[in-house]
Amino acid sequence: MKLIEIHNHLNRIWSEIFRLNEVLREKLRPLGFKVEPVEEVFNAYIFLEGEWREMVYPHPAFEIKPQGEVGATIQSFYFVFAIPKEKITRDFVFEFLKKFLQSYIYGTENFLEDIYNHNSPRNPEEVYREIEKSQEEVFQFEVEAKDSEELENKLFEFIELAKKYKVLDL
């Protein structure tokens, strides 16, 4: 990649996250969410070439309280929500995986081991069994998108799903 391409790509993801932060602040408030300002996030991980790799460089992200984060990495835009194990049902997992093909599910303690990874997907029944037998108390449900507009659409789909199954503390 040429330096100008890297520069332009970083400017694009940061610009889109700042824009999305402003848009979501207004749209999510009536739904019971609080959108925090954009921050530089350090010590995150990205799934590249078949494995999770540490990013020592920052990427833009912001919290959506309760339980969520929206951001962008060099690879994609994403949102992730932390859901307590006791709130996760079989039907929620099945519908989540049906709606969000570009997704990951992992625990908060052992976050480098996927229960679900769209690069090598398991069937929903197997995913739910893994969650049930896990010692993890909270699971991360992460969704990727190619741009901020697609991410915004997916986020609202997720919120509807989360409301349906009452997995968020709203």
Protein backbone atom coordinates (compact mmCIF):
# COMPACT_ATOMS: atom_id res chain seq x y z
CA MET A 1 0.00 0.00 0.00
CA LYS A 2 1.26 3.45 -0.80
CA LEU A 3 1.63 6.01 2.01
CA ILE A 4 -1.04 8.25 0.49
CA GLU A 5 -3.45 5.28 0.46
CA ILE A 6 -2.75 4.60 4.15
CA HIS A 7 -3.20 8.29 4.95
CA ASN A 8 -6.49 8.49 3.03
CA HIS A 9 -7.80 5.27 4.59
CA LEU A 10 -7.05 6.43 8.14
CA ASN A 11 -8.63 9.82 7.45
CA ARG A 12 -11.73 8.09 6.08
CA ILE A 13 -12.26 5.80 9.07
CA TRP A 14 -11.65 8.55 11.63
CA SER A 15 -13.93 11.00 9.75
CA GLU A 16 -16.72 8.45 9.44
CA ILE A 17 -16.51 7.52 13.12
CA PHE A 18 -16.72 11.19 14.17
CA ARG A 19 -19.74 11.66 11.88
CA LEU A 20 -21.39 8.46 13.09
CA ASN A 21 -20.84 9.49 16.70
CA GLU A 22 -22.80 12.73 16.13
CA VAL A 23 -25.60 10.96 14.26
CA LEU A 24 -26.00 8.19 16.83
CA ARG A 25 -25.91 10.61 19.78
CA GLU A 26 -29.19 12.08 18.51
CA LYS A 27 -30.81 8.89 17.23
CA LEU A 28 -30.04 6.65 20.22
CA ARG A 29 -30.91 9.04 23.07
CA PRO A 30 -34.69 8.46 22.72
CA LEU A 31 -34.05 4.69 22.82
CA GLY A 32 -32.34 4.89 26.23
CA PHE A 33 -28.69 4.84 25.13
CA LYS A 34 -25.95 7.33 25.96
CA VAL A 35 -23.31 7.88 23.27
CA GLU A 36 -19.90 8.89 24.61
CA PRO A 37 -17.32 10.97 22.66
CA VAL A 38 -14.89 9.35 20.22
CA GLU A 39 -11.64 8.18 21.83
CA GLU A 40 -8.35 6.66 20.75
CA VAL A 41 -8.50 2.99 21.71
CA PHE A 42 -5.24 1.18 22.40
CA ASN A 43 -4.39 -2.49 23.02
CA ALA A 44 -7.18 -3.90 20.87
CA TYR A 45 -7.03 -6.93 18.60
CA ILE A 46 -7.86 -7.45 14.93
CA PHE A 47 -8.50 -10.74 13.11
CA LEU A 48 -6.04 -10.84 10.19
CA GLU A 49 -4.78 -13.75 8.12
CA GLY A 50 -6.50 -16.32 10.32
CA GLU A 51 -5.50 -15.10 13.76
CA TRP A 52 -6.10 -12.37 16.32
CA ARG A 53 -3.29 -9.82 16.26
CA GLU A 54 -2.61 -7.06 18.77
CA MET A 55 -2.92 -3.49 17.53
CA VAL A 56 -0.45 -1.31 19.42
CA TYR A 57 -1.58 1.64 17.34
CA PRO A 58 -4.84 3.43 18.24
CA HIS A 59 -8.12 3.19 16.42
CA PRO A 60 -11.25 5.37 16.79
CA ALA A 61 -14.13 4.10 18.91
CA PHE A 62 -16.84 5.30 21.27
CA GLU A 63 -19.02 3.73 23.90
CA ILE A 64 -22.75 3.27 23.59
CA LYS A 65 -23.98 2.86 27.13
CA PRO A 66 -25.13 0.42 28.25
CA GLN A 67 -22.87 -2.41 27.14
CA GLY A 68 -21.68 -1.32 23.68
CA GLU A 69 -18.88 0.12 21.58
CA VAL A 70 -18.71 1.36 17.99
CA GLY A 71 -15.44 1.80 16.15
CA ALA A 72 -13.31 1.28 13.08
CA THR A 73 -10.09 -0.57 12.45
CA ILE A 74 -7.97 -0.70 9.32
CA GLN A 75 -10.07 -3.74 8.36
CA SER A 76 -13.68 -2.71 8.98
CA PHE A 77 -16.23 -0.76 10.95
CA TYR A 78 -17.69 -2.62 13.93
CA PHE A 79 -19.95 -2.58 16.93
CA VAL A 80 -19.75 -4.90 19.89
CA PHE A 81 -22.06 -5.47 22.84
CA ALA A 82 -21.28 -7.30 26.08
CA ILE A 83 -24.13 -9.60 27.07
CA PRO A 84 -24.32 -11.55 30.34
CA LYS A 85 -24.45 -15.30 29.80
CA GLU A 86 -27.67 -15.69 31.76
CA LYS A 87 -29.50 -13.44 29.25
CA ILE A 88 -28.33 -15.35 26.16
CA THR A 89 -30.94 -17.72 24.76
CA ARG A 90 -30.77 -20.28 21.99
CA ASP A 91 -33.26 -18.26 19.92
CA PHE A 92 -31.21 -15.07 20.35
CA VAL A 93 -28.02 -16.82 19.15
CA PHE A 94 -29.80 -18.38 16.16
CA GLU A 95 -31.38 -15.10 15.07
CA PHE A 96 -28.16 -13.12 15.67
CA LEU A 97 -26.17 -15.49 13.44
CA LYS A 98 -28.86 -15.47 10.76
CA LYS A 99 -28.98 -11.64 10.63
CA PHE A 100 -25.26 -10.90 11.05
CA LEU A 101 -23.10 -13.07 8.83
CA GLN A 102 -19.99 -10.90 9.38
CA SER A 103 -19.76 -11.42 13.13
CA TYR A 104 -17.78 -12.79 16.05
CA ILE A 105 -18.83 -14.14 19.44
CA TYR A 106 -16.23 -14.45 22.20
CA GLY A 107 -15.95 -14.27 25.96
CA THR A 108 -14.64 -11.30 27.90
CA GLU A 109 -12.04 -13.31 29.82
CA ASN A 110 -10.70 -15.48 27.01
CA PHE A 111 -11.39 -13.05 24.17
CA LEU A 112 -8.86 -14.50 21.72
CA GLU A 113 -10.80 -17.77 21.42
CA ASP A 114 -13.85 -17.39 19.24
CA ILE A 115 -17.07 -19.20 19.93
CA TYR A 116 -18.15 -17.95 16.52
CA ASN A 117 -15.99 -16.45 13.79
CA HIS A 118 -17.43 -15.67 10.37
CA ASN A 119 -14.13 -16.73 8.76
CA SER A 120 -14.68 -20.32 9.96
CA PRO A 121 -18.30 -20.44 11.09
CA ARG A 122 -19.88 -23.07 13.32
CA ASN A 123 -23.54 -23.94 13.11
CA PRO A 124 -25.81 -22.03 15.53
CA GLU A 125 -26.58 -25.09 17.65
CA GLU A 126 -22.88 -25.70 18.24
CA VAL A 127 -22.34 -22.02 19.06
CA TYR A 128 -25.10 -22.08 21.65
CA ARG A 129 -23.76 -25.29 23.22
CA GLU A 130 -20.31 -23.67 23.50
CA ILE A 131 -21.81 -20.66 25.26
CA GLU A 132 -23.79 -22.88 27.63
CA LYS A 133 -20.81 -24.98 28.70
CA SER A 134 -18.39 -22.04 28.92
CA GLN A 135 -17.14 -20.65 32.24
CA GLU A 136 -17.40 -17.12 30.79
CA GLU A 137 -19.93 -14.87 32.52
CA VAL A 138 -20.16 -12.27 29.72
CA PHE A 139 -19.95 -12.70 25.95
CA GLN A 140 -19.09 -10.15 23.28
CA PHE A 141 -21.31 -10.08 20.20
CA GLU A 142 -19.41 -8.19 17.49
CA VAL A 143 -20.64 -7.23 14.01
CA GLU A 144 -18.53 -5.92 11.13
CA ALA A 145 -19.49 -3.65 8.23
CA LYS A 146 -17.71 -2.21 5.20
CA ASP A 147 -18.62 1.41 6.00
CA SER A 148 -20.31 3.55 8.63
CA GLU A 149 -23.66 3.66 6.81
CA GLU A 150 -23.91 -0.13 6.68
CA LEU A 151 -22.80 -0.27 10.31
CA GLU A 152 -25.51 2.16 11.38
CA ASN A 153 -28.16 0.03 9.66
CA LYS A 154 -26.86 -3.14 11.28
CA LEU A 155 -26.71 -1.43 14.67
CA PHE A 156 -30.40 -0.59 14.56
CA GLU A 157 -31.19 -4.16 13.48
CA PHE A 158 -29.18 -5.40 16.45
CA ILE A 159 -30.97 -3.04 18.84
CA GLU A 160 -34.33 -4.41 17.68
CA LEU A 161 -33.06 -7.95 18.19
CA ALA A 162 -31.65 -7.05 21.62
CA LYS A 163 -34.98 -5.54 22.66
CA LYS A 164 -36.87 -8.60 21.44
CA TYR A 165 -34.74 -10.91 23.60
CA LYS A 166 -34.13 -8.39 26.44
CA VAL A 167 -30.35 -8.87 26.42
CA LEU A 168 -29.45 -5.22 27.12
CA ASP A 169 -30.02 -3.30 30.36
CA LEU A 170 -32.31 -0.59 28.97
